[in-house]
Amino acid sequence: KRASNDGNDYGGFFVHAVVYSSLSAFMVSYHVHEKAIMTSIIPMTLLATKSRDHARLFIRLATFGHFGLLPLLFQPREAVFKGLTYGLFLLVSVTLLHSVEDNNDASKSKPSKEVLPLLTRYDYGTWMVLSILFLFNEVVYPLLVKPRFEFLPLLLISVTCAIGLTQCWIESYRLMKESVP
């Protein structure tokens, strides 16, 4: 953590502002290029170890952002590769960020047994919904539905990711406001 002469962390605030502004730009132009989410995920990695809230936001942002990129690999033979690399990335991210501690004053006064978990019920529910959606798009849809509704998988992924990324955008704003020097 690098602070200025007056003790304020302007660099951290700047990265928060970059993440929030890139998420804002992404939210305005979501329909143009889903790959643009990388402009938010990459700078968020710099903040992921700052606190549990930041680590949680990074995991959620990566969860929805990367899931929205999966349709770019559209060949049926790529389905296993997509699922494995996506799951492996999330597993490694959660494992590495699990040891991040809260840096706020309220958590420092609590005994270590009362530390909030990195993943919440919301996160596990999200992963369950995305897993079901992935299986539907890769297995059920090609076998049973494909001729009738050609763009149904893209619609389901876009709507699901848009809802999740909107929540990440709001959380990013909250964390940015809290980091104002």
N, C-alpha and C. Protein backbone atom coordinates (compact mmCIF):
# COMPACT_ATOMS: atom_id res chain seq x y z
N LYS A 1 0.85 -1.18 0.00
CA LYS A 1 0.00 0.00 0.00
C LYS A 1 0.89 1.23 0.00
N ARG A 2 0.66 2.07 -0.93
CA ARG A 2 1.47 3.26 -1.04
C ARG A 2 0.61 4.48 -0.73
N ALA A 3 1.04 5.29 0.18
CA ALA A 3 0.27 6.46 0.58
C ALA A 3 1.02 7.72 0.21
N SER A 4 0.30 8.79 0.10
CA SER A 4 0.92 10.08 -0.18
C SER A 4 1.48 10.65 1.12
N ASN A 5 2.07 11.84 1.04
CA ASN A 5 2.65 12.48 2.21
C ASN A 5 1.62 12.75 3.30
N ASP A 6 0.36 12.94 2.92
CA ASP A 6 -0.67 13.22 3.93
C ASP A 6 -1.33 11.95 4.47
N GLY A 7 -0.79 10.77 4.10
CA GLY A 7 -1.30 9.50 4.64
C GLY A 7 -2.46 8.90 3.88
N ASN A 8 -2.90 9.52 2.83
CA ASN A 8 -4.04 9.01 2.05
C ASN A 8 -3.56 8.08 0.94
N ASP A 9 -4.37 7.09 0.63
CA ASP A 9 -4.06 6.11 -0.40
C ASP A 9 -4.73 6.51 -1.71
N TYR A 10 -4.10 7.45 -2.42
CA TYR A 10 -4.69 7.93 -3.67
C TYR A 10 -4.58 6.89 -4.78
N GLY A 11 -3.53 6.07 -4.74
CA GLY A 11 -3.38 5.03 -5.76
C GLY A 11 -4.51 4.01 -5.70
N GLY A 12 -4.90 3.61 -4.48
CA GLY A 12 -6.00 2.68 -4.31
C GLY A 12 -7.31 3.27 -4.80
N PHE A 13 -7.51 4.55 -4.50
CA PHE A 13 -8.72 5.21 -4.97
C PHE A 13 -8.72 5.29 -6.49
N PHE A 14 -7.57 5.56 -7.08
CA PHE A 14 -7.47 5.64 -8.53
C PHE A 14 -7.86 4.30 -9.18
N VAL A 15 -7.36 3.20 -8.62
CA VAL A 15 -7.70 1.89 -9.19
C VAL A 15 -9.19 1.61 -9.02
N HIS A 16 -9.76 1.98 -7.86
CA HIS A 16 -11.20 1.85 -7.67
C HIS A 16 -11.95 2.64 -8.76
N ALA A 17 -11.49 3.85 -9.00
CA ALA A 17 -12.14 4.70 -10.01
C ALA A 17 -12.02 4.08 -11.40
N VAL A 18 -10.87 3.49 -11.71
CA VAL A 18 -10.69 2.84 -13.01
C VAL A 18 -11.65 1.66 -13.14
N VAL A 19 -11.76 0.84 -12.09
CA VAL A 19 -12.66 -0.32 -12.14
C VAL A 19 -14.10 0.15 -12.31
N TYR A 20 -14.50 1.14 -11.52
CA TYR A 20 -15.89 1.61 -11.59
C TYR A 20 -16.18 2.26 -12.95
N SER A 21 -15.27 3.07 -13.44
CA SER A 21 -15.54 3.73 -14.73
C SER A 21 -15.53 2.73 -15.88
N SER A 22 -14.67 1.73 -15.83
CA SER A 22 -14.68 0.73 -16.90
C SER A 22 -15.93 -0.14 -16.82
N LEU A 23 -16.39 -0.43 -15.59
CA LEU A 23 -17.66 -1.15 -15.45
C LEU A 23 -18.82 -0.31 -15.95
N SER A 24 -18.78 0.99 -15.67
CA SER A 24 -19.84 1.89 -16.15
C SER A 24 -19.88 1.90 -17.67
N ALA A 25 -18.72 2.01 -18.29
CA ALA A 25 -18.67 2.00 -19.75
C ALA A 25 -19.16 0.66 -20.30
N PHE A 26 -18.81 -0.42 -19.63
CA PHE A 26 -19.27 -1.73 -20.06
C PHE A 26 -20.78 -1.86 -19.94
N MET A 27 -21.33 -1.36 -18.85
CA MET A 27 -22.78 -1.47 -18.65
C MET A 27 -23.56 -0.69 -19.71
N VAL A 28 -23.02 0.41 -20.16
CA VAL A 28 -23.69 1.21 -21.18
C VAL A 28 -23.63 0.52 -22.54
N SER A 29 -22.56 -0.21 -22.80
CA SER A 29 -22.39 -0.82 -24.13
C SER A 29 -22.34 -2.33 -24.07
N TYR A 30 -23.07 -2.95 -23.16
CA TYR A 30 -23.01 -4.41 -22.97
C TYR A 30 -23.29 -5.17 -24.26
N HIS A 31 -24.20 -4.68 -25.06
CA HIS A 31 -24.60 -5.41 -26.26
C HIS A 31 -23.56 -5.39 -27.37
N VAL A 32 -22.54 -4.54 -27.26
CA VAL A 32 -21.58 -4.39 -28.34
C VAL A 32 -20.51 -5.49 -28.30
N HIS A 33 -19.75 -5.56 -27.21
CA HIS A 33 -18.69 -6.56 -27.10
C HIS A 33 -18.60 -7.05 -25.67
N GLU A 34 -18.91 -8.31 -25.47
CA GLU A 34 -18.80 -8.86 -24.12
C GLU A 34 -17.35 -8.98 -23.66
N LYS A 35 -16.41 -8.96 -24.60
CA LYS A 35 -14.99 -9.03 -24.23
C LYS A 35 -14.54 -7.79 -23.47
N ALA A 36 -15.28 -6.72 -23.54
CA ALA A 36 -14.91 -5.47 -22.87
C ALA A 36 -14.92 -5.61 -21.36
N ILE A 37 -15.52 -6.66 -20.82
CA ILE A 37 -15.52 -6.86 -19.37
C ILE A 37 -14.11 -7.04 -18.84
N MET A 38 -13.20 -7.46 -19.69
CA MET A 38 -11.81 -7.65 -19.26
C MET A 38 -11.19 -6.32 -18.80
N THR A 39 -11.69 -5.21 -19.31
CA THR A 39 -11.16 -3.91 -18.88
C THR A 39 -11.53 -3.60 -17.44
N SER A 40 -12.48 -4.32 -16.87
CA SER A 40 -12.82 -4.19 -15.46
C SER A 40 -12.18 -5.27 -14.61
N ILE A 41 -12.15 -6.48 -15.13
CA ILE A 41 -11.61 -7.61 -14.36
C ILE A 41 -10.11 -7.44 -14.12
N ILE A 42 -9.37 -7.02 -15.13
CA ILE A 42 -7.92 -6.93 -14.99
C ILE A 42 -7.51 -5.92 -13.92
N PRO A 43 -8.02 -4.67 -13.91
CA PRO A 43 -7.61 -3.78 -12.81
C PRO A 43 -8.17 -4.22 -11.45
N MET A 44 -9.27 -4.96 -11.44
CA MET A 44 -9.82 -5.43 -10.17
C MET A 44 -8.88 -6.41 -9.49
N THR A 45 -8.03 -7.09 -10.26
CA THR A 45 -7.06 -8.00 -9.66
C THR A 45 -6.10 -7.26 -8.74
N LEU A 46 -5.84 -5.98 -9.03
CA LEU A 46 -4.95 -5.19 -8.17
C LEU A 46 -5.58 -4.91 -6.81
N LEU A 47 -6.90 -4.94 -6.73
CA LEU A 47 -7.61 -4.65 -5.48
C LEU A 47 -8.06 -5.91 -4.74
N ALA A 48 -7.96 -7.06 -5.38
CA ALA A 48 -8.55 -8.29 -4.84
C ALA A 48 -7.98 -8.68 -3.47
N THR A 49 -6.76 -8.31 -3.18
CA THR A 49 -6.16 -8.69 -1.90
C THR A 49 -6.29 -7.60 -0.84
N LYS A 50 -6.99 -6.55 -1.14
CA LYS A 50 -7.13 -5.44 -0.19
C LYS A 50 -8.02 -5.78 1.00
N SER A 51 -9.12 -6.49 0.77
CA SER A 51 -10.02 -6.92 1.84
C SER A 51 -10.89 -8.05 1.31
N ARG A 52 -11.65 -8.64 2.21
CA ARG A 52 -12.57 -9.71 1.79
C ARG A 52 -13.64 -9.17 0.85
N ASP A 53 -14.11 -7.95 1.07
CA ASP A 53 -15.10 -7.37 0.17
C ASP A 53 -14.54 -7.23 -1.24
N HIS A 54 -13.29 -6.81 -1.34
CA HIS A 54 -12.66 -6.68 -2.65
C HIS A 54 -12.44 -8.04 -3.30
N ALA A 55 -12.00 -9.02 -2.49
CA ALA A 55 -11.80 -10.37 -3.02
C ALA A 55 -13.13 -10.95 -3.51
N ARG A 56 -14.19 -10.74 -2.73
CA ARG A 56 -15.52 -11.23 -3.11
C ARG A 56 -15.99 -10.56 -4.40
N LEU A 57 -15.77 -9.25 -4.52
CA LEU A 57 -16.16 -8.55 -5.74
C LEU A 57 -15.38 -9.08 -6.94
N PHE A 58 -14.08 -9.31 -6.76
CA PHE A 58 -13.28 -9.85 -7.86
C PHE A 58 -13.82 -11.21 -8.30
N ILE A 59 -14.12 -12.07 -7.34
CA ILE A 59 -14.62 -13.41 -7.69
C ILE A 59 -15.96 -13.30 -8.40
N ARG A 60 -16.84 -12.45 -7.92
CA ARG A 60 -18.14 -12.29 -8.58
C ARG A 60 -17.99 -11.69 -9.97
N LEU A 61 -17.15 -10.68 -10.09
CA LEU A 61 -16.93 -10.04 -11.38
C LEU A 61 -16.34 -11.04 -12.37
N ALA A 62 -15.35 -11.82 -11.92
CA ALA A 62 -14.75 -12.83 -12.80
C ALA A 62 -15.75 -13.95 -13.12
N THR A 63 -16.58 -14.31 -12.14
CA THR A 63 -17.57 -15.36 -12.36
C THR A 63 -18.52 -14.99 -13.50
N PHE A 64 -19.12 -13.82 -13.39
CA PHE A 64 -20.07 -13.39 -14.43
C PHE A 64 -19.37 -12.96 -15.71
N GLY A 65 -18.26 -12.25 -15.57
CA GLY A 65 -17.55 -11.76 -16.75
C GLY A 65 -17.03 -12.87 -17.63
N HIS A 66 -16.40 -13.86 -17.01
CA HIS A 66 -15.86 -14.97 -17.80
C HIS A 66 -16.96 -15.88 -18.32
N PHE A 67 -18.04 -16.04 -17.55
CA PHE A 67 -19.15 -16.87 -18.04
C PHE A 67 -19.76 -16.25 -19.29
N GLY A 68 -19.81 -14.93 -19.33
CA GLY A 68 -20.33 -14.24 -20.51
C GLY A 68 -19.45 -14.40 -21.73
N LEU A 69 -18.19 -14.77 -21.52
CA LEU A 69 -17.27 -14.99 -22.64
C LEU A 69 -17.32 -16.41 -23.20
N LEU A 70 -17.89 -17.32 -22.46
CA LEU A 70 -17.90 -18.73 -22.89
C LEU A 70 -18.56 -18.97 -24.25
N PRO A 71 -19.61 -18.24 -24.64
CA PRO A 71 -20.18 -18.49 -25.97
C PRO A 71 -19.24 -18.17 -27.13
N LEU A 72 -18.15 -17.47 -26.86
CA LEU A 72 -17.18 -17.20 -27.93
C LEU A 72 -16.49 -18.49 -28.38
N LEU A 73 -16.46 -19.49 -27.51
CA LEU A 73 -16.01 -20.83 -27.88
C LEU A 73 -17.27 -21.64 -28.17
N PHE A 74 -17.65 -21.70 -29.41
CA PHE A 74 -18.97 -22.21 -29.77
C PHE A 74 -18.99 -23.61 -30.35
N GLN A 75 -17.84 -24.19 -30.61
CA GLN A 75 -17.80 -25.54 -31.18
C GLN A 75 -18.15 -26.57 -30.10
N PRO A 76 -18.95 -27.58 -30.43
CA PRO A 76 -19.30 -28.60 -29.43
C PRO A 76 -18.08 -29.29 -28.82
N ARG A 77 -17.02 -29.45 -29.59
CA ARG A 77 -15.82 -30.12 -29.07
C ARG A 77 -15.09 -29.28 -28.03
N GLU A 78 -15.45 -28.01 -27.90
CA GLU A 78 -14.80 -27.12 -26.93
C GLU A 78 -15.53 -27.07 -25.59
N ALA A 79 -16.64 -27.77 -25.47
CA ALA A 79 -17.47 -27.69 -24.26
C ALA A 79 -16.72 -28.16 -23.02
N VAL A 80 -16.04 -29.28 -23.09
CA VAL A 80 -15.30 -29.79 -21.93
C VAL A 80 -14.18 -28.82 -21.56
N PHE A 81 -13.47 -28.34 -22.56
CA PHE A 81 -12.38 -27.37 -22.31
C PHE A 81 -12.92 -26.11 -21.64
N LYS A 82 -14.04 -25.61 -22.13
CA LYS A 82 -14.67 -24.41 -21.53
C LYS A 82 -14.99 -24.64 -20.07
N GLY A 83 -15.68 -25.72 -19.80
CA GLY A 83 -16.10 -26.02 -18.43
C GLY A 83 -14.93 -26.21 -17.49
N LEU A 84 -13.92 -26.95 -17.94
CA LEU A 84 -12.78 -27.22 -17.07
C LEU A 84 -11.94 -25.98 -16.80
N THR A 85 -11.66 -25.19 -17.83
CA THR A 85 -10.84 -23.99 -17.60
C THR A 85 -11.59 -22.96 -16.76
N TYR A 86 -12.87 -22.82 -16.98
CA TYR A 86 -13.68 -21.89 -16.19
C TYR A 86 -13.71 -22.32 -14.72
N GLY A 87 -14.01 -23.59 -14.49
CA GLY A 87 -14.06 -24.10 -13.12
C GLY A 87 -12.71 -24.05 -12.44
N LEU A 88 -11.65 -24.38 -13.16
CA LEU A 88 -10.30 -24.35 -12.59
C LEU A 88 -9.89 -22.93 -12.22
N PHE A 89 -10.21 -21.96 -13.06
CA PHE A 89 -9.89 -20.57 -12.74
C PHE A 89 -10.60 -20.14 -11.46
N LEU A 90 -11.89 -20.45 -11.34
CA LEU A 90 -12.63 -20.07 -10.14
C LEU A 90 -12.08 -20.76 -8.90
N LEU A 91 -11.75 -22.04 -9.03
CA LEU A 91 -11.20 -22.79 -7.90
C LEU A 91 -9.86 -22.20 -7.44
N VAL A 92 -8.98 -21.90 -8.37
CA VAL A 92 -7.69 -21.31 -8.02
C VAL A 92 -7.87 -19.92 -7.42
N SER A 93 -8.75 -19.12 -7.98
CA SER A 93 -9.00 -17.77 -7.46
C SER A 93 -9.50 -17.82 -6.03
N VAL A 94 -10.48 -18.66 -5.77
CA VAL A 94 -11.04 -18.75 -4.42
C VAL A 94 -9.99 -19.29 -3.45
N THR A 95 -9.23 -20.28 -3.87
CA THR A 95 -8.20 -20.84 -3.00
C THR A 95 -7.15 -19.80 -2.63
N LEU A 96 -6.69 -19.05 -3.60
CA LEU A 96 -5.66 -18.04 -3.34
C LEU A 96 -6.19 -16.85 -2.54
N LEU A 97 -7.43 -16.47 -2.77
CA LEU A 97 -7.99 -15.30 -2.09
C LEU A 97 -8.63 -15.65 -0.74
N HIS A 98 -8.70 -16.92 -0.42
CA HIS A 98 -9.34 -17.35 0.83
C HIS A 98 -8.64 -16.77 2.07
N SER A 99 -7.35 -16.54 1.97
CA SER A 99 -6.60 -16.05 3.13
C SER A 99 -6.63 -14.53 3.29
N VAL A 100 -7.30 -13.83 2.38
CA VAL A 100 -7.37 -12.37 2.48
C VAL A 100 -8.18 -12.00 3.72
N GLU A 101 -7.64 -11.10 4.50
CA GLU A 101 -8.32 -10.64 5.71
C GLU A 101 -8.93 -9.28 5.48
N ASP A 102 -9.94 -8.97 6.29
CA ASP A 102 -10.52 -7.64 6.23
C ASP A 102 -9.55 -6.64 6.81
N ASN A 103 -9.49 -5.46 6.19
CA ASN A 103 -8.61 -4.40 6.66
C ASN A 103 -9.35 -3.27 7.32
N ASN A 104 -10.65 -3.44 7.58
CA ASN A 104 -11.37 -2.34 8.22
C ASN A 104 -11.31 -2.48 9.74
N ASP A 105 -11.57 -1.40 10.45
CA ASP A 105 -11.41 -1.37 11.90
C ASP A 105 -12.38 -2.28 12.62
N ALA A 106 -13.60 -2.45 12.08
CA ALA A 106 -14.60 -3.29 12.74
C ALA A 106 -14.16 -4.75 12.80
N SER A 107 -13.54 -5.23 11.74
CA SER A 107 -13.13 -6.62 11.72
C SER A 107 -11.90 -6.87 12.58
N LYS A 108 -11.08 -5.86 12.81
CA LYS A 108 -9.88 -6.04 13.62
C LYS A 108 -10.22 -6.24 15.08
N SER A 109 -11.35 -5.70 15.52
CA SER A 109 -11.74 -5.85 16.91
C SER A 109 -12.43 -7.19 17.18
N LYS A 110 -12.83 -7.92 16.14
CA LYS A 110 -13.49 -9.20 16.30
C LYS A 110 -12.45 -10.30 16.50
N PRO A 111 -12.81 -11.33 17.26
CA PRO A 111 -11.92 -12.50 17.33
C PRO A 111 -11.85 -13.16 15.96
N SER A 112 -10.78 -13.89 15.71
CA SER A 112 -10.58 -14.49 14.38
C SER A 112 -11.65 -15.51 14.02
N LYS A 113 -12.36 -16.09 15.00
CA LYS A 113 -13.39 -17.07 14.70
C LYS A 113 -14.63 -16.44 14.06
N GLU A 114 -14.80 -15.13 14.18
CA GLU A 114 -15.98 -14.47 13.65
C GLU A 114 -15.76 -13.85 12.28
N VAL A 115 -14.66 -14.18 11.63
CA VAL A 115 -14.37 -13.63 10.32
C VAL A 115 -15.40 -14.14 9.32
N LEU A 116 -15.94 -13.25 8.53
CA LEU A 116 -16.93 -13.63 7.53
C LEU A 116 -16.28 -14.49 6.46
N PRO A 117 -17.01 -15.47 5.94
CA PRO A 117 -16.45 -16.30 4.89
C PRO A 117 -16.30 -15.51 3.59
N LEU A 118 -15.36 -15.96 2.78
CA LEU A 118 -15.14 -15.29 1.50
C LEU A 118 -16.35 -15.47 0.59
N LEU A 119 -16.87 -16.68 0.53
CA LEU A 119 -18.02 -16.95 -0.32
C LEU A 119 -19.29 -17.01 0.52
N THR A 120 -20.34 -16.44 0.00
CA THR A 120 -21.62 -16.41 0.70
C THR A 120 -22.60 -17.36 0.02
N ARG A 121 -23.78 -17.46 0.58
CA ARG A 121 -24.83 -18.28 -0.05
C ARG A 121 -25.15 -17.75 -1.44
N TYR A 122 -25.09 -16.45 -1.60
CA TYR A 122 -25.32 -15.85 -2.91
C TYR A 122 -24.33 -16.40 -3.94
N ASP A 123 -23.06 -16.50 -3.54
CA ASP A 123 -22.03 -17.00 -4.46
C ASP A 123 -22.27 -18.46 -4.82
N TYR A 124 -22.57 -19.27 -3.82
CA TYR A 124 -22.85 -20.68 -4.11
C TYR A 124 -24.10 -20.83 -4.97
N GLY A 125 -25.12 -20.03 -4.69
CA GLY A 125 -26.33 -20.04 -5.52
C GLY A 125 -26.04 -19.63 -6.95
N THR A 126 -25.20 -18.61 -7.09
CA THR A 126 -24.79 -18.15 -8.42
C THR A 126 -24.10 -19.26 -9.18
N TRP A 127 -23.17 -19.94 -8.53
CA TRP A 127 -22.44 -21.02 -9.19
C TRP A 127 -23.38 -22.16 -9.57
N MET A 128 -24.39 -22.41 -8.74
CA MET A 128 -25.35 -23.47 -9.05
C MET A 128 -26.17 -23.08 -10.30
N VAL A 129 -26.66 -21.85 -10.33
CA VAL A 129 -27.45 -21.38 -11.48
C VAL A 129 -26.60 -21.40 -12.75
N LEU A 130 -25.35 -20.93 -12.67
CA LEU A 130 -24.49 -20.91 -13.85
C LEU A 130 -24.12 -22.33 -14.30
N SER A 131 -23.97 -23.25 -13.37
CA SER A 131 -23.69 -24.65 -13.73
C SER A 131 -24.87 -25.26 -14.47
N ILE A 132 -26.07 -25.01 -13.97
CA ILE A 132 -27.27 -25.52 -14.63
C ILE A 132 -27.41 -24.89 -16.02
N LEU A 133 -27.17 -23.60 -16.11
CA LEU A 133 -27.24 -22.91 -17.39
C LEU A 133 -26.20 -23.46 -18.37
N PHE A 134 -25.00 -23.72 -17.88
CA PHE A 134 -23.95 -24.28 -18.73
C PHE A 134 -24.37 -25.65 -19.25
N LEU A 135 -24.87 -26.50 -18.37
CA LEU A 135 -25.32 -27.84 -18.80
C LEU A 135 -26.49 -27.76 -19.77
N PHE A 136 -27.40 -26.83 -19.53
CA PHE A 136 -28.52 -26.66 -20.46
C PHE A 136 -28.00 -26.25 -21.84
N ASN A 137 -27.09 -25.27 -21.87
CA ASN A 137 -26.60 -24.76 -23.16
C ASN A 137 -25.74 -25.77 -23.91
N GLU A 138 -24.99 -26.59 -23.18
CA GLU A 138 -24.04 -27.50 -23.84
C GLU A 138 -24.62 -28.90 -24.08
N VAL A 139 -25.63 -29.31 -23.31
CA VAL A 139 -26.14 -30.67 -23.44
C VAL A 139 -27.61 -30.69 -23.85
N VAL A 140 -28.47 -30.08 -23.05
CA VAL A 140 -29.91 -30.16 -23.29
C VAL A 140 -30.31 -29.40 -24.56
N TYR A 141 -29.87 -28.18 -24.69
CA TYR A 141 -30.26 -27.36 -25.84
C TYR A 141 -29.89 -28.00 -27.19
N PRO A 142 -28.66 -28.43 -27.39
CA PRO A 142 -28.33 -29.02 -28.70
C PRO A 142 -29.14 -30.28 -29.03
N LEU A 143 -29.52 -31.02 -28.00
CA LEU A 143 -30.25 -32.27 -28.25
C LEU A 143 -31.75 -32.09 -28.41
N LEU A 144 -32.34 -31.14 -27.67
CA LEU A 144 -33.80 -31.07 -27.62
C LEU A 144 -34.43 -29.80 -28.18
N VAL A 145 -33.75 -28.69 -28.14
CA VAL A 145 -34.40 -27.42 -28.43
C VAL A 145 -33.87 -26.72 -29.67
N LYS A 146 -32.69 -27.01 -30.09
CA LYS A 146 -31.95 -26.23 -31.09
C LYS A 146 -32.73 -25.76 -32.32
N PRO A 147 -33.47 -26.60 -33.00
CA PRO A 147 -34.10 -26.11 -34.24
C PRO A 147 -35.11 -24.97 -34.03
N ARG A 148 -35.73 -24.93 -32.87
CA ARG A 148 -36.80 -23.95 -32.68
C ARG A 148 -36.32 -22.57 -32.21
N PHE A 149 -35.41 -22.52 -31.28
CA PHE A 149 -35.00 -21.26 -30.68
C PHE A 149 -33.48 -21.10 -30.78
N GLU A 150 -33.05 -20.58 -31.91
CA GLU A 150 -31.62 -20.55 -32.21
C GLU A 150 -30.79 -19.71 -31.24
N PHE A 151 -31.33 -18.59 -30.76
CA PHE A 151 -30.54 -17.69 -29.92
C PHE A 151 -30.87 -17.79 -28.44
N LEU A 152 -31.60 -18.81 -28.03
CA LEU A 152 -31.97 -18.97 -26.63
C LEU A 152 -30.75 -19.07 -25.69
N PRO A 153 -29.71 -19.85 -26.01
CA PRO A 153 -28.56 -19.91 -25.10
C PRO A 153 -27.89 -18.55 -24.90
N LEU A 154 -27.74 -17.79 -25.97
CA LEU A 154 -27.11 -16.47 -25.85
C LEU A 154 -27.98 -15.52 -25.03
N LEU A 155 -29.28 -15.61 -25.22
CA LEU A 155 -30.20 -14.78 -24.44
C LEU A 155 -30.09 -15.09 -22.96
N LEU A 156 -30.13 -16.38 -22.61
CA LEU A 156 -30.05 -16.77 -21.21
C LEU A 156 -28.73 -16.35 -20.56
N ILE A 157 -27.64 -16.54 -21.28
CA ILE A 157 -26.34 -16.14 -20.74
C ILE A 157 -26.26 -14.63 -20.60
N SER A 158 -26.70 -13.89 -21.59
CA SER A 158 -26.63 -12.42 -21.54
C SER A 158 -27.46 -11.85 -20.40
N VAL A 159 -28.67 -12.33 -20.24
CA VAL A 159 -29.54 -11.82 -19.17
C VAL A 159 -28.97 -12.17 -17.80
N THR A 160 -28.54 -13.41 -17.63
CA THR A 160 -27.98 -13.83 -16.35
C THR A 160 -26.74 -13.02 -16.01
N CYS A 161 -25.84 -12.87 -16.95
CA CYS A 161 -24.61 -12.12 -16.70
C CYS A 161 -24.89 -10.63 -16.50
N ALA A 162 -25.85 -10.09 -17.22
CA ALA A 162 -26.20 -8.67 -17.04
C ALA A 162 -26.72 -8.40 -15.63
N ILE A 163 -27.52 -9.30 -15.11
CA ILE A 163 -28.04 -9.14 -13.74
C ILE A 163 -26.88 -9.21 -12.74
N GLY A 164 -26.03 -10.21 -12.88
CA GLY A 164 -24.89 -10.36 -11.97
C GLY A 164 -23.90 -9.21 -12.06
N LEU A 165 -23.61 -8.76 -13.27
CA LEU A 165 -22.66 -7.66 -13.44
C LEU A 165 -23.24 -6.33 -12.96
N THR A 166 -24.55 -6.18 -13.01
CA THR A 166 -25.17 -4.98 -12.45
C THR A 166 -24.95 -4.94 -10.95
N GLN A 167 -25.10 -6.06 -10.30
CA GLN A 167 -24.82 -6.14 -8.86
C GLN A 167 -23.35 -5.82 -8.59
N CYS A 168 -22.44 -6.32 -9.41
CA CYS A 168 -21.01 -6.03 -9.25
C CYS A 168 -20.74 -4.54 -9.44
N TRP A 169 -21.42 -3.93 -10.38
CA TRP A 169 -21.26 -2.50 -10.65
C TRP A 169 -21.67 -1.68 -9.43
N ILE A 170 -22.79 -2.04 -8.81
CA ILE A 170 -23.27 -1.34 -7.62
C ILE A 170 -22.28 -1.54 -6.46
N GLU A 171 -21.81 -2.75 -6.30
CA GLU A 171 -20.84 -3.04 -5.23
C GLU A 171 -19.52 -2.31 -5.48
N SER A 172 -19.12 -2.20 -6.71
CA SER A 172 -17.90 -1.46 -7.05
C SER A 172 -18.03 0.00 -6.67
N TYR A 173 -19.20 0.57 -6.90
CA TYR A 173 -19.44 1.96 -6.52
C TYR A 173 -19.35 2.12 -5.01
N ARG A 174 -19.94 1.18 -4.27
CA ARG A 174 -19.89 1.24 -2.81
C ARG A 174 -18.45 1.19 -2.30
N LEU A 175 -17.66 0.26 -2.83
CA LEU A 175 -16.28 0.13 -2.40
C LEU A 175 -15.45 1.36 -2.79
N MET A 176 -15.74 1.93 -3.96
CA MET A 176 -15.03 3.14 -4.37
C MET A 176 -15.33 4.29 -3.42
N LYS A 177 -16.62 4.46 -3.07
CA LYS A 177 -17.00 5.54 -2.15
C LYS A 177 -16.34 5.37 -0.77
N GLU A 178 -16.20 4.13 -0.32
CA GLU A 178 -15.56 3.88 0.97
C GLU A 178 -14.07 4.14 0.93
N SER A 179 -13.47 4.12 -0.25
CA SER A 179 -12.02 4.31 -0.34
C SER A 179 -11.62 5.75 -0.60
N VAL A 180 -12.57 6.67 -0.63
CA VAL A 180 -12.26 8.08 -0.88
C VAL A 180 -11.31 8.56 0.20
N PRO A 181 -10.14 9.09 -0.20
CA PRO A 181 -9.17 9.56 0.80
C PRO A 181 -9.65 10.80 1.55
